[in-house]
Protein backbone atom coordinates (compact mmCIF):
# COMPACT_ATOMS: atom_id res chain seq x y z
CA UNK A 1 6.01 38.76 -58.43
CA UNK A 2 6.34 37.12 -61.84
CA UNK A 3 3.81 37.91 -64.53
CA UNK A 4 3.62 37.44 -68.31
CA UNK A 5 6.07 39.71 -70.11
CA UNK A 6 3.41 41.19 -72.38
CA UNK A 7 1.75 42.95 -69.42
CA UNK A 8 4.60 45.48 -69.57
CA UNK A 9 4.11 46.06 -73.30
CA UNK A 10 0.48 47.17 -73.03
CA UNK A 11 0.29 50.97 -73.38
CA UNK A 12 -0.24 52.80 -70.13
CA UNK A 13 -2.98 55.25 -69.16
CA UNK A 14 -2.01 58.58 -67.58
CA UNK A 15 -4.68 60.67 -65.87
CA UNK A 16 -4.80 63.81 -63.76
CA UNK A 17 -6.53 63.50 -60.41
CA UNK A 18 -7.12 66.86 -58.69
CA UNK A 19 -7.86 65.15 -55.38
CA UNK A 20 -4.51 63.34 -55.52
CA UNK A 21 -2.82 66.68 -56.19
CA UNK A 22 -4.71 68.45 -53.39
CA UNK A 23 -3.80 65.81 -50.82
CA UNK A 24 -0.23 65.40 -52.05
CA UNK A 25 -0.57 61.75 -53.10
CA UNK A 26 1.17 62.25 -56.47
CA UNK A 27 3.21 65.10 -57.88
CA UNK A 28 0.87 67.39 -59.81
CA UNK A 29 -1.87 64.78 -59.37
CA UNK A 30 -0.65 62.72 -62.32
CA UNK A 31 -1.34 58.99 -61.97
CA UNK A 32 -0.14 56.33 -64.39
CA UNK A 33 -2.15 53.13 -64.61
CA UNK A 34 -0.88 49.98 -66.29
CA UNK A 35 -2.65 46.84 -67.38
CA UNK A 36 -1.15 45.03 -64.41
CA UNK A 37 -3.05 47.42 -62.11
CA UNK A 38 -6.32 46.17 -63.59
CA UNK A 39 -5.09 42.60 -63.16
CA UNK A 40 -4.26 43.24 -59.51
CA UNK A 41 -7.69 44.73 -58.92
CA UNK A 42 -9.49 41.80 -60.53
CA UNK A 43 -7.09 39.16 -59.28
CA UNK A 44 -6.69 37.67 -62.75
CA UNK A 45 -5.98 38.46 -66.39
CA UNK A 46 -8.63 37.50 -68.91
CA UNK A 47 -10.32 38.93 -72.03
CA UNK A 48 -12.91 40.69 -69.83
CA UNK A 49 -10.35 42.49 -67.67
CA UNK A 50 -8.27 43.31 -70.74
CA UNK A 51 -11.32 44.67 -72.56
CA UNK A 52 -12.33 46.82 -69.59
CA UNK A 53 -8.87 48.37 -69.39
CA UNK A 54 -8.58 48.91 -73.13
CA UNK A 55 -12.11 50.28 -73.66
CA UNK A 56 -11.46 52.85 -70.94
CA UNK A 57 -8.12 53.84 -72.39
CA UNK A 58 -9.58 54.18 -75.89
CA UNK A 59 -12.60 56.15 -74.69
CA UNK A 60 -10.53 58.60 -72.65
CA UNK A 61 -8.14 59.05 -75.55
CA UNK A 62 -11.06 59.95 -77.79
CA UNK A 63 -12.51 62.35 -75.21
CA UNK A 64 -9.32 64.18 -74.24
CA UNK A 65 -7.01 63.84 -77.22
CA UNK A 66 -3.45 64.69 -76.22
CA UNK A 67 -4.59 66.14 -72.88
CA UNK A 68 -4.69 64.21 -69.64
CA UNK A 69 -8.09 62.77 -68.71
CA UNK A 70 -9.49 64.26 -65.51
CA UNK A 71 -10.07 61.45 -63.06
CA UNK A 72 -13.21 62.10 -61.03
CA UNK A 73 -14.78 64.21 -63.78
CA UNK A 74 -16.04 61.41 -66.01
CA UNK A 75 -19.53 59.96 -65.97
CA UNK A 76 -19.85 56.31 -67.02
CA UNK A 77 -23.10 54.74 -68.21
CA UNK A 78 -23.46 51.00 -68.75
CA UNK A 79 -26.17 49.59 -70.97
CA UNK A 80 -26.59 46.45 -68.86
CA UNK A 81 -27.27 45.90 -65.18
CA UNK A 82 -24.26 45.33 -62.96
CA UNK A 83 -25.39 41.72 -62.41
CA UNK A 84 -25.58 40.96 -66.14
CA UNK A 85 -22.75 38.81 -67.47
CA UNK A 86 -19.36 40.35 -66.76
CA UNK A 87 -20.63 43.93 -66.43
CA UNK A 88 -19.73 44.10 -62.74
CA UNK A 89 -16.15 43.02 -63.40
CA UNK A 90 -15.79 45.60 -66.15
CA UNK A 91 -17.30 48.30 -63.95
CA UNK A 92 -14.75 47.64 -61.21
CA UNK A 93 -11.89 48.26 -63.62
CA UNK A 94 -13.55 51.28 -65.23
CA UNK A 95 -14.24 52.75 -61.80
CA UNK A 96 -10.62 52.39 -60.75
CA UNK A 97 -9.36 54.16 -63.86
CA UNK A 98 -11.94 56.97 -63.96
CA UNK A 99 -12.73 57.40 -60.27
CA UNK A 100 -16.44 57.03 -61.00
CA UNK A 101 -18.64 55.35 -58.38
CA UNK A 102 -22.34 54.95 -57.70
CA UNK A 103 -22.84 56.04 -54.09
CA UNK A 104 -19.90 54.45 -52.26
CA UNK A 105 -17.10 56.74 -53.39
CA UNK A 106 -15.40 59.69 -51.77
CA UNK A 107 -17.95 62.29 -50.65
CA UNK A 108 -15.73 65.25 -51.38
CA UNK A 109 -14.38 68.23 -49.45
CA UNK A 110 -16.32 71.50 -49.27
CA UNK A 111 -18.26 70.56 -52.38
CA UNK A 112 -15.21 69.48 -54.38
CA UNK A 113 -13.81 66.08 -55.39
CA UNK A 114 -17.10 64.18 -54.99
CA UNK A 115 -16.74 60.80 -56.75
CA UNK A 116 -20.31 59.65 -56.19
CA UNK A 117 -23.15 59.55 -58.71
CA UNK A 118 -20.85 59.13 -61.70
CA UNK A 119 -21.46 55.44 -62.42
CA UNK A 120 -24.81 54.20 -63.74
CA UNK A 121 -26.27 50.94 -65.01
CA UNK A 122 -29.22 49.96 -67.23
CA UNK A 123 -28.93 53.17 -69.21
CA UNK A 124 -30.22 53.88 -72.71
CA UNK A 125 -26.89 53.88 -74.56
CA UNK A 126 -26.29 52.29 -77.99
CA UNK A 127 -23.10 50.39 -77.24
CA UNK A 128 -21.73 48.71 -74.15
CA UNK A 129 -20.53 51.80 -72.25
CA UNK A 130 -20.79 55.58 -72.61
CA UNK A 131 -18.12 57.87 -71.16
CA UNK A 132 -19.05 61.54 -70.67
CA UNK A 133 -16.86 64.47 -69.67
CA UNK A 134 -18.67 66.34 -66.93
CA UNK A 135 -16.96 69.63 -67.86
CA UNK A 136 -17.78 69.74 -71.59
CA UNK A 137 -20.52 67.13 -71.98
CA UNK A 138 -18.58 65.38 -74.76
CA UNK A 139 -19.55 61.71 -75.04
CA UNK A 140 -17.96 58.57 -76.43
CA UNK A 141 -19.61 55.15 -76.77
CA UNK A 142 -17.50 52.01 -76.70
CA UNK A 143 -17.91 48.26 -76.96
CA UNK A 144 -15.60 45.27 -76.95
CA UNK A 145 -15.99 42.09 -78.98
CA UNK A 146 -13.26 39.81 -77.62
CA UNK A 147 -14.95 36.81 -79.22
CA UNK A 148 -13.47 38.08 -82.50
CA UNK A 149 -10.07 36.96 -81.20
CA UNK A 150 -10.31 33.21 -81.00
CA UNK A 151 -8.36 31.14 -78.53
CA UNK A 152 -6.24 28.12 -79.38
CA UNK A 153 -8.46 25.04 -79.97
CA UNK A 154 -6.69 23.25 -77.12
CA UNK A 155 -7.70 25.87 -74.56
CA UNK A 156 -11.21 24.61 -73.74
CA UNK A 157 -10.36 20.91 -73.34
CA UNK A 158 -7.32 21.81 -71.26
CA UNK A 159 -9.46 24.05 -69.06
CA UNK A 160 -11.92 21.21 -68.55
CA UNK A 161 -9.12 18.86 -67.55
CA UNK A 162 -7.75 21.45 -65.12
CA UNK A 163 -11.15 22.15 -63.57
CA UNK A 164 -11.81 18.42 -63.29
CA UNK A 165 -8.53 17.82 -61.49
CA UNK A 166 -7.27 15.57 -64.28
CA UNK A 167 -4.59 17.79 -65.82
CA UNK A 168 -0.91 17.13 -65.40
CA UNK A 169 1.38 19.96 -64.33
CA UNK A 170 2.50 20.35 -67.93
CA UNK A 171 -1.11 20.55 -69.15
CA UNK A 172 -1.98 23.13 -66.51
CA UNK A 173 1.01 25.20 -67.53
CA UNK A 174 0.09 24.96 -71.21
CA UNK A 175 -3.50 26.00 -70.48
CA UNK A 176 -2.33 29.10 -68.61
CA UNK A 177 0.07 30.00 -71.41
CA UNK A 178 -2.62 29.63 -74.07
CA UNK A 179 -5.09 31.66 -72.00
CA UNK A 180 -2.69 34.55 -71.58
CA UNK A 181 -1.61 34.39 -75.22
CA UNK A 182 -5.19 35.15 -76.23
CA UNK A 183 -5.20 38.15 -73.87
CA UNK A 184 -1.90 39.29 -75.38
CA UNK A 185 -3.25 39.08 -78.93
CA UNK A 186 -6.44 40.89 -77.91
CA UNK A 187 -4.53 43.88 -76.55
CA UNK A 188 -1.39 44.05 -78.66
CA UNK A 189 -2.52 42.66 -82.01
CA UNK A 190 -6.14 43.85 -82.04
CA UNK A 191 -6.21 46.92 -79.80
CA UNK A 192 -6.78 49.19 -82.81
CA UNK A 193 -9.08 46.78 -84.67
CA UNK A 194 -12.55 48.38 -84.93
CA UNK A 195 -14.10 44.94 -85.28
CA UNK A 196 -12.82 44.14 -81.78
CA UNK A 197 -12.97 47.53 -80.05
CA UNK A 198 -15.63 49.93 -81.29
CA UNK A 199 -15.26 53.62 -80.36
CA UNK A 200 -17.88 56.13 -81.52
CA UNK A 201 -18.39 59.76 -80.67
CA UNK A 202 -21.94 60.38 -79.43
CA UNK A 203 -24.08 63.34 -80.41
């Protein structure tokens, strides 16, 4: 399964999942997620999927420091409805990484490991998403501004030719390369740029 090389250069996210430990899915319950896991979930790589992965990684880093984030113990609040724009796509990725679900997740065992009622939409939060530790109540607000990382000027006309069935094989290949190059720059060149990814501790 061939994918762009930069996928492997995006920093990983390691979390601890007590349910995984309890059921013997992973040694000590430690799970490592990579950007390609978000791509597999979404079925594509784009600025939205990249932003969802990176916002989650940045937020959990701010909440847990050098410790491992506790998957299944993180509440996630979205400012927008799940039908607004790309919120639903982002929520799918965030849910995979944090374990948070609305009401369709694992119901738990003897009152433990419940993954429901941790994901909410249309909430009164200042930025795009708020992540909250359920053990300490610490909160972090995050937002992504991928529009700050412009694509190559040829991208849009090439996309139009591809969608219209008029592109040659070479043009289709160039469009895909330009598309993924923007994703690469977003994650690797601007991952720590506060103008692109805002991370703020909440009171």
